[in-house]
Full PDB file with SEQRES, HELIX, SHEET, SSBOND, CRYST1, ORIGX, SCALE, CONECT and MASTER records, all heavy atoms in Angstrom:
SEQRES   1 A   41  GLN GLN ASP VAL THR ARG ARG LYS ARG ALA GLU ARG ALA          
SEQRES   2 A   41  ALA ALA ARG ARG ALA ALA ARG ILE GLU ARG GLU ARG ALA          
SEQRES   3 A   41  ALA GLN GLU HIS LEU LEU GLU ARG LEU ASN GLY VAL VAL          
SEQRES   4 A   41  ALA GLU                                                      
HELIX    1 AA1 THR A    5  LEU A   31  1                                  27    
HELIX    2 AA2 LEU A   32  LEU A   35  5                                   4    
HELIX    3 AA3 ASN A   36  ALA A   40  1                                   5    
CRYST1    1.000    1.000    1.000  90.00  90.00  90.00 P 1           1          
ORIGX1      1.000000  0.000000  0.000000        0.00000                         
ORIGX2      0.000000  1.000000  0.000000        0.00000                         
ORIGX3      0.000000  0.000000  1.000000        0.00000                         
SCALE1      1.000000  0.000000  0.000000        0.00000                         
SCALE2      0.000000  1.000000  0.000000        0.00000                         
SCALE3      0.000000  0.000000  1.000000        0.00000                         
ATOM      1  N   GLN A   1     129.480 115.349  90.618  1.00  0.00           N  
ATOM      2  CA  GLN A   1     128.878 115.172  89.227  1.00  0.00           C  
ATOM      3  C   GLN A   1     129.044 113.719  88.653  1.00  0.00           C  
ATOM      4  O   GLN A   1     130.223 113.295  88.712  1.00  0.00           O  
ATOM      5  CB  GLN A   1     129.277 116.147  88.225  1.00  0.00           C  
ATOM      6  CG  GLN A   1     128.862 117.671  88.630  1.00  0.00           C  
ATOM      7  CD  GLN A   1     129.910 118.278  89.598  1.00  0.00           C  
ATOM      8  OE1 GLN A   1     131.014 117.863  89.694  1.00  0.00           O  
ATOM      9  NE2 GLN A   1     129.430 119.225  90.202  1.00  0.00           N  
ATOM     10  N   GLN A   2     128.096 113.182  88.166  1.00  0.00           N  
ATOM     11  CA  GLN A   2     128.142 111.879  87.426  1.00  0.00           C  
ATOM     12  C   GLN A   2     127.301 111.958  86.079  1.00  0.00           C  
ATOM     13  O   GLN A   2     126.114 112.382  86.151  1.00  0.00           O  
ATOM     14  CB  GLN A   2     127.646 110.709  88.306  1.00  0.00           C  
ATOM     15  CG  GLN A   2     128.590 110.383  89.506  1.00  0.00           C  
ATOM     16  CD  GLN A   2     128.238 109.009  90.124  1.00  0.00           C  
ATOM     17  OE1 GLN A   2     128.535 108.022  89.522  1.00  0.00           O  
ATOM     18  NE2 GLN A   2     127.511 108.977  91.060  1.00  0.00           N  
ATOM     19  N   ASP A   3     127.973 111.542  85.086  1.00  0.00           N  
ATOM     20  CA  ASP A   3     127.280 111.500  83.816  1.00  0.00           C  
ATOM     21  C   ASP A   3     126.378 110.220  83.857  1.00  0.00           C  
ATOM     22  O   ASP A   3     126.936 109.085  83.663  1.00  0.00           O  
ATOM     23  CB  ASP A   3     128.392 111.275  82.700  1.00  0.00           C  
ATOM     24  CG  ASP A   3     127.704 111.526  81.306  1.00  0.00           C  
ATOM     25  OD1 ASP A   3     126.462 111.257  81.218  1.00  0.00           O  
ATOM     26  OD2 ASP A   3     128.411 111.647  80.278  1.00  0.00           O  
ATOM     27  N   VAL A   4     125.030 110.417  83.729  1.00  0.00           N  
ATOM     28  CA  VAL A   4     124.122 109.300  83.774  1.00  0.00           C  
ATOM     29  C   VAL A   4     123.306 109.268  82.519  1.00  0.00           C  
ATOM     30  O   VAL A   4     122.211 108.828  82.549  1.00  0.00           O  
ATOM     31  CB  VAL A   4     123.175 109.399  85.066  1.00  0.00           C  
ATOM     32  CG1 VAL A   4     123.953 109.160  86.399  1.00  0.00           C  
ATOM     33  CG2 VAL A   4     122.433 110.676  85.121  1.00  0.00           C  
ATOM     34  N   THR A   5     123.829 109.830  81.531  1.00  0.00           N  
ATOM     35  CA  THR A   5     123.161 109.837  80.270  1.00  0.00           C  
ATOM     36  C   THR A   5     122.654 108.512  79.701  1.00  0.00           C  
ATOM     37  O   THR A   5     121.646 108.271  79.402  1.00  0.00           O  
ATOM     38  CB  THR A   5     124.111 110.631  79.114  1.00  0.00           C  
ATOM     39  OG1 THR A   5     124.420 111.797  79.575  1.00  0.00           O  
ATOM     40  CG2 THR A   5     123.295 110.760  77.824  1.00  0.00           C  
ATOM     41  N   ARG A   6     123.526 107.518  79.904  1.00  0.00           N  
ATOM     42  CA  ARG A   6     123.320 106.202  79.238  1.00  0.00           C  
ATOM     43  C   ARG A   6     122.123 105.627  80.138  1.00  0.00           C  
ATOM     44  O   ARG A   6     121.183 105.042  79.496  1.00  0.00           O  
ATOM     45  CB  ARG A   6     124.556 105.288  79.457  1.00  0.00           C  
ATOM     46  CG  ARG A   6     124.334 103.841  79.108  1.00  0.00           C  
ATOM     47  CD  ARG A   6     125.601 103.038  79.106  1.00  0.00           C  
ATOM     48  NE  ARG A   6     126.631 103.492  78.198  1.00  0.00           N  
ATOM     49  CZ  ARG A   6     127.698 102.956  78.124  1.00  0.00           C  
ATOM     50  NH1 ARG A   6     127.984 101.823  78.744  1.00  0.00           N  
ATOM     51  NH2 ARG A   6     128.761 103.414  77.195  1.00  0.00           N  
ATOM     52  N   ARG A   7     122.212 105.747  81.320  1.00  0.00           N  
ATOM     53  CA  ARG A   7     121.045 105.326  82.240  1.00  0.00           C  
ATOM     54  C   ARG A   7     119.811 106.032  81.781  1.00  0.00           C  
ATOM     55  O   ARG A   7     118.752 105.343  81.675  1.00  0.00           O  
ATOM     56  CB  ARG A   7     121.423 105.414  83.716  1.00  0.00           C  
ATOM     57  CG  ARG A   7     120.374 104.762  84.625  1.00  0.00           C  
ATOM     58  CD  ARG A   7     120.496 105.279  85.963  1.00  0.00           C  
ATOM     59  NE  ARG A   7     120.009 106.551  86.179  1.00  0.00           N  
ATOM     60  CZ  ARG A   7     120.313 107.395  87.269  1.00  0.00           C  
ATOM     61  NH1 ARG A   7     121.194 106.999  88.128  1.00  0.00           N  
ATOM     62  NH2 ARG A   7     119.699 108.458  87.286  1.00  0.00           N  
ATOM     63  N   LYS A   8     119.801 107.317  81.718  1.00  0.00           N  
ATOM     64  CA  LYS A   8     118.540 107.988  81.397  1.00  0.00           C  
ATOM     65  C   LYS A   8     118.064 107.677  80.037  1.00  0.00           C  
ATOM     66  O   LYS A   8     116.826 107.518  79.878  1.00  0.00           O  
ATOM     67  CB  LYS A   8     118.830 109.560  81.404  1.00  0.00           C  
ATOM     68  CG  LYS A   8     119.248 110.041  82.841  1.00  0.00           C  
ATOM     69  CD  LYS A   8     118.012 110.108  83.704  1.00  0.00           C  
ATOM     70  CE  LYS A   8     116.923 111.104  83.375  1.00  0.00           C  
ATOM     71  NZ  LYS A   8     115.817 111.081  84.422  1.00  0.00           N  
ATOM     72  N   ARG A   9     119.009 107.359  79.011  1.00  0.00           N  
ATOM     73  CA  ARG A   9     118.448 107.025  77.771  1.00  0.00           C  
ATOM     74  C   ARG A   9     117.815 105.613  77.855  1.00  0.00           C  
ATOM     75  O   ARG A   9     116.845 105.464  77.260  1.00  0.00           O  
ATOM     76  CB  ARG A   9     119.650 107.031  76.813  1.00  0.00           C  
ATOM     77  CG  ARG A   9     120.098 108.486  76.354  1.00  0.00           C  
ATOM     78  CD  ARG A   9     121.276 108.383  75.456  1.00  0.00           C  
ATOM     79  NE  ARG A   9     121.671 109.691  75.023  1.00  0.00           N  
ATOM     80  CZ  ARG A   9     122.906 109.954  74.351  1.00  0.00           C  
ATOM     81  NH1 ARG A   9     123.739 108.888  74.209  1.00  0.00           N  
ATOM     82  NH2 ARG A   9     123.106 111.112  74.142  1.00  0.00           N  
ATOM     83  N   ALA A  10     118.309 104.741  78.594  1.00  0.00           N  
ATOM     84  CA  ALA A  10     117.864 103.302  78.762  1.00  0.00           C  
ATOM     85  C   ALA A  10     116.416 103.512  79.433  1.00  0.00           C  
ATOM     86  O   ALA A  10     115.559 102.845  79.032  1.00  0.00           O  
ATOM     87  CB  ALA A  10     118.697 102.598  79.598  1.00  0.00           C  
ATOM     88  N   GLU A  11     116.344 104.403  80.477  1.00  0.00           N  
ATOM     89  CA  GLU A  11     115.049 104.527  81.201  1.00  0.00           C  
ATOM     90  C   GLU A  11     114.073 105.188  80.173  1.00  0.00           C  
ATOM     91  O   GLU A  11     112.932 104.737  80.151  1.00  0.00           O  
ATOM     92  CB  GLU A  11     115.240 105.482  82.285  1.00  0.00           C  
ATOM     93  CG  GLU A  11     115.975 104.864  83.496  1.00  0.00           C  
ATOM     94  CD  GLU A  11     116.303 105.970  84.612  1.00  0.00           C  
ATOM     95  OE1 GLU A  11     115.953 107.126  84.393  1.00  0.00           O  
ATOM     96  OE2 GLU A  11     116.795 105.470  85.637  1.00  0.00           O  
ATOM     97  N   ARG A  12     114.480 106.075  79.472  1.00  0.00           N  
ATOM     98  CA  ARG A  12     113.508 106.830  78.541  1.00  0.00           C  
ATOM     99  C   ARG A  12     113.147 105.840  77.406  1.00  0.00           C  
ATOM    100  O   ARG A  12     111.949 105.704  76.930  1.00  0.00           O  
ATOM    101  CB  ARG A  12     114.097 108.009  77.926  1.00  0.00           C  
ATOM    102  CG  ARG A  12     114.185 109.168  78.926  1.00  0.00           C  
ATOM    103  CD  ARG A  12     114.692 110.428  78.358  1.00  0.00           C  
ATOM    104  NE  ARG A  12     114.394 111.401  79.150  1.00  0.00           N  
ATOM    105  CZ  ARG A  12     113.951 112.666  78.894  1.00  0.00           C  
ATOM    106  NH1 ARG A  12     113.596 112.865  77.660  1.00  0.00           N  
ATOM    107  NH2 ARG A  12     113.799 113.554  79.783  1.00  0.00           N  
ATOM    108  N   ALA A  13     114.060 104.973  76.891  1.00  0.00           N  
ATOM    109  CA  ALA A  13     113.715 103.936  75.931  1.00  0.00           C  
ATOM    110  C   ALA A  13     112.766 102.919  76.426  1.00  0.00           C  
ATOM    111  O   ALA A  13     111.734 102.527  75.688  1.00  0.00           O  
ATOM    112  CB  ALA A  13     114.943 103.243  75.405  1.00  0.00           C  
ATOM    113  N   ALA A  14     113.033 102.515  77.804  1.00  0.00           N  
ATOM    114  CA  ALA A  14     112.048 101.549  78.278  1.00  0.00           C  
ATOM    115  C   ALA A  14     110.697 102.135  78.452  1.00  0.00           C  
ATOM    116  O   ALA A  14     109.676 101.485  78.314  1.00  0.00           O  
ATOM    117  CB  ALA A  14     112.545 101.058  79.641  1.00  0.00           C  
ATOM    118  N   ALA A  15     110.583 103.397  78.803  1.00  0.00           N  
ATOM    119  CA  ALA A  15     109.415 104.199  79.060  1.00  0.00           C  
ATOM    120  C   ALA A  15     108.584 104.350  77.777  1.00  0.00           C  
ATOM    121  O   ALA A  15     107.372 104.144  77.592  1.00  0.00           O  
ATOM    122  CB  ALA A  15     109.584 105.602  79.571  1.00  0.00           C  
ATOM    123  N   ARG A  16     109.395 104.589  76.682  1.00  0.00           N  
ATOM    124  CA  ARG A  16     108.778 104.700  75.353  1.00  0.00           C  
ATOM    125  C   ARG A  16     108.234 103.323  74.943  1.00  0.00           C  
ATOM    126  O   ARG A  16     107.124 103.224  74.325  1.00  0.00           O  
ATOM    127  CB  ARG A  16     109.842 105.243  74.320  1.00  0.00           C  
ATOM    128  CG  ARG A  16     110.126 106.678  74.320  1.00  0.00           C  
ATOM    129  CD  ARG A  16     110.847 107.140  73.099  1.00  0.00           C  
ATOM    130  NE  ARG A  16     112.119 106.504  72.826  1.00  0.00           N  
ATOM    131  CZ  ARG A  16     113.250 107.019  73.445  1.00  0.00           C  
ATOM    132  NH1 ARG A  16     113.290 108.045  74.202  1.00  0.00           N  
ATOM    133  NH2 ARG A  16     114.461 106.381  73.114  1.00  0.00           N  
ATOM    134  N   ARG A  17     109.041 102.314  75.066  1.00  0.00           N  
ATOM    135  CA  ARG A  17     108.575 100.877  74.743  1.00  0.00           C  
ATOM    136  C   ARG A  17     107.289 100.503  75.558  1.00  0.00           C  
ATOM    137  O   ARG A  17     106.244  99.962  75.049  1.00  0.00           O  
ATOM    138  CB  ARG A  17     109.596  99.891  75.042  1.00  0.00           C  
ATOM    139  CG  ARG A  17     110.752  99.854  74.012  1.00  0.00           C  
ATOM    140  CD  ARG A  17     111.640  98.570  74.015  1.00  0.00           C  
ATOM    141  NE  ARG A  17     112.168  98.589  75.391  1.00  0.00           N  
ATOM    142  CZ  ARG A  17     113.495  99.022  75.792  1.00  0.00           C  
ATOM    143  NH1 ARG A  17     114.190  99.614  74.710  1.00  0.00           N  
ATOM    144  NH2 ARG A  17     114.001  98.871  76.816  1.00  0.00           N  
ATOM    145  N   ALA A  18     107.258 100.983  76.923  1.00  0.00           N  
ATOM    146  CA  ALA A  18     106.096 100.578  77.644  1.00  0.00           C  
ATOM    147  C   ALA A  18     104.986 101.427  77.285  1.00  0.00           C  
ATOM    148  O   ALA A  18     103.871 100.869  77.179  1.00  0.00           O  
ATOM    149  CB  ALA A  18     106.485 101.009  79.159  1.00  0.00           C  
ATOM    150  N   ALA A  19     105.168 102.618  76.830  1.00  0.00           N  
ATOM    151  CA  ALA A  19     104.065 103.435  76.426  1.00  0.00           C  
ATOM    152  C   ALA A  19     103.651 103.008  75.060  1.00  0.00           C  
ATOM    153  O   ALA A  19     102.360 102.988  74.847  1.00  0.00           O  
ATOM    154  CB  ALA A  19     104.576 104.908  76.170  1.00  0.00           C  
ATOM    155  N   ARG A  20     104.513 102.489  74.166  1.00  0.00           N  
ATOM    156  CA  ARG A  20     103.980 102.037  72.916  1.00  0.00           C  
ATOM    157  C   ARG A  20     103.231 100.749  73.085  1.00  0.00           C  
ATOM    158  O   ARG A  20     102.101 100.515  72.438  1.00  0.00           O  
ATOM    159  CB  ARG A  20     105.226 101.688  71.959  1.00  0.00           C  
ATOM    160  CG  ARG A  20     104.745 101.226  70.613  1.00  0.00           C  
ATOM    161  CD  ARG A  20     106.003 100.875  69.690  1.00  0.00           C  
ATOM    162  NE  ARG A  20     106.585  99.615  70.168  1.00  0.00           N  
ATOM    163  CZ  ARG A  20     107.753  99.440  70.741  1.00  0.00           C  
ATOM    164  NH1 ARG A  20     108.500 100.620  70.954  1.00  0.00           N  
ATOM    165  NH2 ARG A  20     108.283  98.411  71.072  1.00  0.00           N  
ATOM    166  N   ILE A  21     103.639  99.868  74.003  1.00  0.00           N  
ATOM    167  CA  ILE A  21     103.027  98.578  74.316  1.00  0.00           C  
ATOM    168  C   ILE A  21     101.516  98.957  74.897  1.00  0.00           C  
ATOM    169  O   ILE A  21     100.521  98.381  74.637  1.00  0.00           O  
ATOM    170  CB  ILE A  21     103.852  97.736  75.253  1.00  0.00           C  
ATOM    171  CG1 ILE A  21     105.013  97.257  74.377  1.00  0.00           C  
ATOM    172  CG2 ILE A  21     102.872  96.591  75.736  1.00  0.00           C  
ATOM    173  CD1 ILE A  21     106.029  96.489  75.444  1.00  0.00           C  
ATOM    174  N   GLU A  22     101.538  99.898  75.839  1.00  0.00           N  
ATOM    175  CA  GLU A  22     100.272 100.295  76.393  1.00  0.00           C  
ATOM    176  C   GLU A  22      99.343 100.894  75.436  1.00  0.00           C  
ATOM    177  O   GLU A  22      98.321 100.590  75.383  1.00  0.00           O  
ATOM    178  CB  GLU A  22     100.665 101.449  77.487  1.00  0.00           C  
ATOM    179  CG  GLU A  22      99.397 101.987  78.210  1.00  0.00           C  
ATOM    180  CD  GLU A  22      98.574 100.868  78.898  1.00  0.00           C  
ATOM    181  OE1 GLU A  22      99.233  99.753  79.269  1.00  0.00           O  
ATOM    182  OE2 GLU A  22      97.335 101.064  79.234  1.00  0.00           O  
ATOM    183  N   ARG A  23      99.915 101.731  74.426  1.00  0.00           N  
ATOM    184  CA  ARG A  23      99.099 102.300  73.407  1.00  0.00           C  
ATOM    185  C   ARG A  23      98.500 101.072  72.561  1.00  0.00           C  
ATOM    186  O   ARG A  23      97.282 101.134  72.263  1.00  0.00           O  
ATOM    187  CB  ARG A  23      99.879 103.205  72.464  1.00  0.00           C  
ATOM    188  CG  ARG A  23     100.101 104.490  73.171  1.00  0.00           C  
ATOM    189  CD  ARG A  23     100.604 105.577  72.067  1.00  0.00           C  
ATOM    190  NE  ARG A  23     101.798 105.132  71.404  1.00  0.00           N  
ATOM    191  CZ  ARG A  23     103.039 105.275  71.860  1.00  0.00           C  
ATOM    192  NH1 ARG A  23     103.289 106.134  72.832  1.00  0.00           N  
ATOM    193  NH2 ARG A  23     104.026 104.943  71.097  1.00  0.00           N  
ATOM    194  N   GLU A  24      99.295 100.148  72.251  1.00  0.00           N  
ATOM    195  CA  GLU A  24      98.863  99.091  71.356  1.00  0.00           C  
ATOM    196  C   GLU A  24      97.888  98.303  72.153  1.00  0.00           C  
ATOM    197  O   GLU A  24      96.803  97.712  71.583  1.00  0.00           O  
ATOM    198  CB  GLU A  24     100.023  98.092  71.106  1.00  0.00           C  
ATOM    199  CG  GLU A  24     100.992  98.769  70.025  1.00  0.00           C  
ATOM    200  CD  GLU A  24     102.179  97.910  69.792  1.00  0.00           C  
ATOM    201  OE1 GLU A  24     102.383  96.935  70.432  1.00  0.00           O  
ATOM    202  OE2 GLU A  24     103.095  98.368  68.894  1.00  0.00           O  
ATOM    203  N   ARG A  25      98.018  98.007  73.434  1.00  0.00           N  
ATOM    204  CA  ARG A  25      97.052  97.297  74.249  1.00  0.00           C  
ATOM    205  C   ARG A  25      95.695  98.058  74.346  1.00  0.00           C  
ATOM    206  O   ARG A  25      94.717  97.403  74.217  1.00  0.00           O  
ATOM    207  CB  ARG A  25      97.591  97.004  75.649  1.00  0.00           C  
ATOM    208  CG  ARG A  25      96.855  96.202  76.567  1.00  0.00           C  
ATOM    209  CD  ARG A  25      97.264  96.361  77.962  1.00  0.00           C  
ATOM    210  NE  ARG A  25      97.020  97.668  78.490  1.00  0.00           N  
ATOM    211  CZ  ARG A  25      95.854  98.214  78.805  1.00  0.00           C  
ATOM    212  NH1 ARG A  25      94.796  97.418  78.781  1.00  0.00           N  
ATOM    213  NH2 ARG A  25      95.762  99.430  79.197  1.00  0.00           N  
ATOM    214  N   ALA A  26      95.829  99.321  74.540  1.00  0.00           N  
ATOM    215  CA  ALA A  26      94.527 100.127  74.682  1.00  0.00           C  
ATOM    216  C   ALA A  26      93.737 100.109  73.258  1.00  0.00           C  
ATOM    217  O   ALA A  26      92.596  99.900  73.291  1.00  0.00           O  
ATOM    218  CB  ALA A  26      94.900 101.558  75.065  1.00  0.00           C  
ATOM    219  N   ALA A  27      94.530 100.277  72.248  1.00  0.00           N  
ATOM    220  CA  ALA A  27      93.979 100.242  70.921  1.00  0.00           C  
ATOM    221  C   ALA A  27      93.212  98.935  70.587  1.00  0.00           C  
ATOM    222  O   ALA A  27      92.119  98.762  70.163  1.00  0.00           O  
ATOM    223  CB  ALA A  27      94.954 100.523  69.774  1.00  0.00           C  
ATOM    224  N   GLN A  28      93.857  97.857  71.028  1.00  0.00           N  
ATOM    225  CA  GLN A  28      93.316  96.525  70.802  1.00  0.00           C  
ATOM    226  C   GLN A  28      92.168  96.255  71.781  1.00  0.00           C  
ATOM    227  O   GLN A  28      91.111  95.697  71.178  1.00  0.00           O  
ATOM    228  CB  GLN A  28      94.490  95.470  71.160  1.00  0.00           C  
ATOM    229  CG  GLN A  28      94.032  94.027  70.779  1.00  0.00           C  
ATOM    230  CD  GLN A  28      95.108  92.997  71.090  1.00  0.00           C  
ATOM    231  OE1 GLN A  28      95.503  92.625  72.286  1.00  0.00           O  
ATOM    232  NE2 GLN A  28      95.730  92.415  70.020  1.00  0.00           N  
ATOM    233  N   GLU A  29      92.136  96.669  72.967  1.00  0.00           N  
ATOM    234  CA  GLU A  29      91.110  96.568  73.921  1.00  0.00           C  
ATOM    235  C   GLU A  29      89.844  97.225  73.225  1.00  0.00           C  
ATOM    236  O   GLU A  29      88.692  96.819  73.268  1.00  0.00           O  
ATOM    237  CB  GLU A  29      91.413  97.061  75.195  1.00  0.00           C  
ATOM    238  CG  GLU A  29      92.288  96.207  76.030  1.00  0.00           C  
ATOM    239  CD  GLU A  29      92.494  96.637  77.459  1.00  0.00           C  
ATOM    240  OE1 GLU A  29      92.127  97.741  77.821  1.00  0.00           O  
ATOM    241  OE2 GLU A  29      92.973  95.822  78.275  1.00  0.00           O  
ATOM    242  N   HIS A  30      90.107  98.448  72.666  1.00  0.00           N  
ATOM    243  CA  HIS A  30      89.064  99.225  72.165  1.00  0.00           C  
ATOM    244  C   HIS A  30      88.404  98.486  70.999  1.00  0.00           C  
ATOM    245  O   HIS A  30      87.187  98.356  70.785  1.00  0.00           O  
ATOM    246  CB  HIS A  30      89.483 100.520  71.731  1.00  0.00           C  
ATOM    247  CG  HIS A  30      88.469 101.424  70.938  1.00  0.00           C  
ATOM    248  ND1 HIS A  30      87.449 101.992  71.660  1.00  0.00           N  
ATOM    249  CD2 HIS A  30      88.288 101.804  69.668  1.00  0.00           C  
ATOM    250  CE1 HIS A  30      86.617 102.694  70.809  1.00  0.00           C  
ATOM    251  NE2 HIS A  30      87.160 102.583  69.659  1.00  0.00           N  
ATOM    252  N   LEU A  31      89.241  97.856  70.132  1.00  0.00           N  
ATOM    253  CA  LEU A  31      88.785  97.054  68.953  1.00  0.00           C  
ATOM    254  C   LEU A  31      88.003  95.913  69.477  1.00  0.00           C  
ATOM    255  O   LEU A  31      86.961  95.510  68.811  1.00  0.00           O  
ATOM    256  CB  LEU A  31      89.993  96.704  68.240  1.00  0.00           C  
ATOM    257  CG  LEU A  31      89.607  95.865  66.949  1.00  0.00           C  
ATOM    258  CD1 LEU A  31      88.807  96.704  65.919  1.00  0.00           C  
ATOM    259  CD2 LEU A  31      90.974  95.364  66.188  1.00  0.00           C  
ATOM    260  N   LEU A  32      88.304  95.224  70.582  1.00  0.00           N  
ATOM    261  CA  LEU A  32      87.593  94.125  71.061  1.00  0.00           C  
ATOM    262  C   LEU A  32      86.508  94.164  71.881  1.00  0.00           C  
ATOM    263  O   LEU A  32      85.825  93.288  72.319  1.00  0.00           O  
ATOM    264  CB  LEU A  32      88.711  93.238  71.857  1.00  0.00           C  
ATOM    265  CG  LEU A  32      89.915  92.851  71.208  1.00  0.00           C  
ATOM    266  CD1 LEU A  32      90.863  92.027  72.088  1.00  0.00           C  
ATOM    267  CD2 LEU A  32      89.772  91.978  69.872  1.00  0.00           C  
ATOM    268  N   GLU A  33      85.893  95.468  72.011  1.00  0.00           N  
ATOM    269  CA  GLU A  33      84.759  95.773  72.818  1.00  0.00           C  
ATOM    270  C   GLU A  33      83.554  95.100  72.311  1.00  0.00           C  
ATOM    271  O   GLU A  33      82.698  94.674  72.913  1.00  0.00           O  
ATOM    272  CB  GLU A  33      84.419  97.261  72.881  1.00  0.00           C  
ATOM    273  CG  GLU A  33      85.534  97.998  73.929  1.00  0.00           C  
ATOM    274  CD  GLU A  33      85.200  99.535  73.918  1.00  0.00           C  
ATOM    275  OE1 GLU A  33      84.254  99.938  73.333  1.00  0.00           O  
ATOM    276  OE2 GLU A  33      85.855 100.206  74.682  1.00  0.00           O  
ATOM    277  N   ARG A  34      83.471  94.988  70.930  1.00  0.00           N  
ATOM    278  CA  ARG A  34      82.246  94.417  70.374  1.00  0.00           C  
ATOM    279  C   ARG A  34      82.169  92.941  70.635  1.00  0.00           C  
ATOM    280  O   ARG A  34      81.012  92.350  70.760  1.00  0.00           O  
ATOM    281  CB  ARG A  34      82.303  94.546  68.746  1.00  0.00           C  
ATOM    282  CG  ARG A  34      82.061  95.945  68.358  1.00  0.00           C  
ATOM    283  CD  ARG A  34      81.985  95.918  66.916  1.00  0.00           C  
ATOM    284  NE  ARG A  34      80.947  95.123  66.392  1.00  0.00           N  
ATOM    285  CZ  ARG A  34      80.778  94.737  65.087  1.00  0.00           C  
ATOM    286  NH1 ARG A  34      81.730  95.133  64.286  1.00  0.00           N  
ATOM    287  NH2 ARG A  34      79.829  93.967  64.836  1.00  0.00           N  
ATOM    288  N   LEU A  35      83.292  92.313  70.967  1.00  0.00           N  
ATOM    289  CA  LEU A  35      83.289  90.857  71.257  1.00  0.00           C  
ATOM    290  C   LEU A  35      83.854  90.635  72.686  1.00  0.00           C  
ATOM    291  O   LEU A  35      84.685  89.856  72.881  1.00  0.00           O  
ATOM    292  CB  LEU A  35      84.103  90.074  70.288  1.00  0.00           C  
ATOM    293  CG  LEU A  35      83.568  89.946  68.906  1.00  0.00           C  
ATOM    294  CD1 LEU A  35      84.432  89.454  67.845  1.00  0.00           C  
ATOM    295  CD2 LEU A  35      82.198  89.384  68.719  1.00  0.00           C  
ATOM    296  N   ASN A  36      83.476  91.516  73.547  1.00  0.00           N  
ATOM    297  CA  ASN A  36      84.125  91.544  74.892  1.00  0.00           C  
ATOM    298  C   ASN A  36      84.066  90.157  75.654  1.00  0.00           C  
ATOM    299  O   ASN A  36      84.976  89.792  76.237  1.00  0.00           O  
ATOM    300  CB  ASN A  36      83.473  92.599  75.869  1.00  0.00           C  
ATOM    301  CG  ASN A  36      84.069  92.696  77.208  1.00  0.00           C  
ATOM    302  OD1 ASN A  36      85.346  93.027  77.142  1.00  0.00           O  
ATOM    303  ND2 ASN A  36      83.511  92.452  78.243  1.00  0.00           N  
ATOM    304  N   GLY A  37      82.985  89.431  75.385  1.00  0.00           N  
ATOM    305  CA  GLY A  37      82.792  88.232  76.179  1.00  0.00           C  
ATOM    306  C   GLY A  37      83.811  87.192  75.760  1.00  0.00           C  
ATOM    307  O   GLY A  37      84.522  86.599  76.564  1.00  0.00           O  
ATOM    308  N   VAL A  38      83.911  86.932  74.380  1.00  0.00           N  
ATOM    309  CA  VAL A  38      84.825  85.996  73.965  1.00  0.00           C  
ATOM    310  C   VAL A  38      86.251  86.347  74.191  1.00  0.00           C  
ATOM    311  O   VAL A  38      87.117  85.462  74.565  1.00  0.00           O  
ATOM    312  CB  VAL A  38      84.693  85.654  72.482  1.00  0.00           C  
ATOM    313  CG1 VAL A  38      85.001  86.858  71.618  1.00  0.00           C  
ATOM    314  CG2 VAL A  38      85.439  84.385  71.943  1.00  0.00           C  
ATOM    315  N   VAL A  39      86.560  87.684  74.106  1.00  0.00           N  
ATOM    316  CA  VAL A  39      87.901  88.115  74.354  1.00  0.00           C  
ATOM    317  C   VAL A  39      88.405  88.002  75.818  1.00  0.00           C  
ATOM    318  O   VAL A  39      89.407  87.398  76.082  1.00  0.00           O  
ATOM    319  CB  VAL A  39      88.112  89.592  73.974  1.00  0.00           C  
ATOM    320  CG1 VAL A  39      89.360  90.149  74.449  1.00  0.00           C  
ATOM    321  CG2 VAL A  39      87.863  89.813  72.465  1.00  0.00           C  
ATOM    322  N   ALA A  40      87.367  88.192  76.676  1.00  0.00           N  
ATOM    323  CA  ALA A  40      87.580  88.046  78.090  1.00  0.00           C  
ATOM    324  C   ALA A  40      87.925  86.658  78.463  1.00  0.00           C  
ATOM    325  O   ALA A  40      88.881  86.250  79.136  1.00  0.00           O  
ATOM    326  CB  ALA A  40      86.559  88.648  78.980  1.00  0.00           C  
ATOM    327  N   GLU A  41      87.201  85.679  77.902  1.00  0.00           N  
ATOM    328  CA  GLU A  41      87.302  84.319  78.217  1.00  0.00           C  
ATOM    329  C   GLU A  41      88.625  83.724  77.570  1.00  0.00           C  
ATOM    330  O   GLU A  41      89.364  82.930  78.209  1.00  0.00           O  
ATOM    331  CB  GLU A  41      86.040  83.595  77.537  1.00  0.00           C  
ATOM    332  CG  GLU A  41      84.754  83.685  78.206  1.00  0.00           C  
ATOM    333  CD  GLU A  41      84.761  83.086  79.520  1.00  0.00           C  
ATOM    334  OE1 GLU A  41      85.570  82.023  79.807  1.00  0.00           O  
ATOM    335  OE2 GLU A  41      83.985  83.610  80.449  1.00  0.00           O  
TER     336      GLU A  41                                                      
MASTER        0    0    0    3    0    0    0    6  335    1    0    4          
END                                                                             
């Protein structure tokens, strides 16, 4: 048995951060659909 709580918490925190960043990115992409051309460029 090994206590890996610290590692799991770090993994979960990283996953939450990644999920939050992904949510923000998705929301921003949705907002930018009207100006997709300029945004893409």
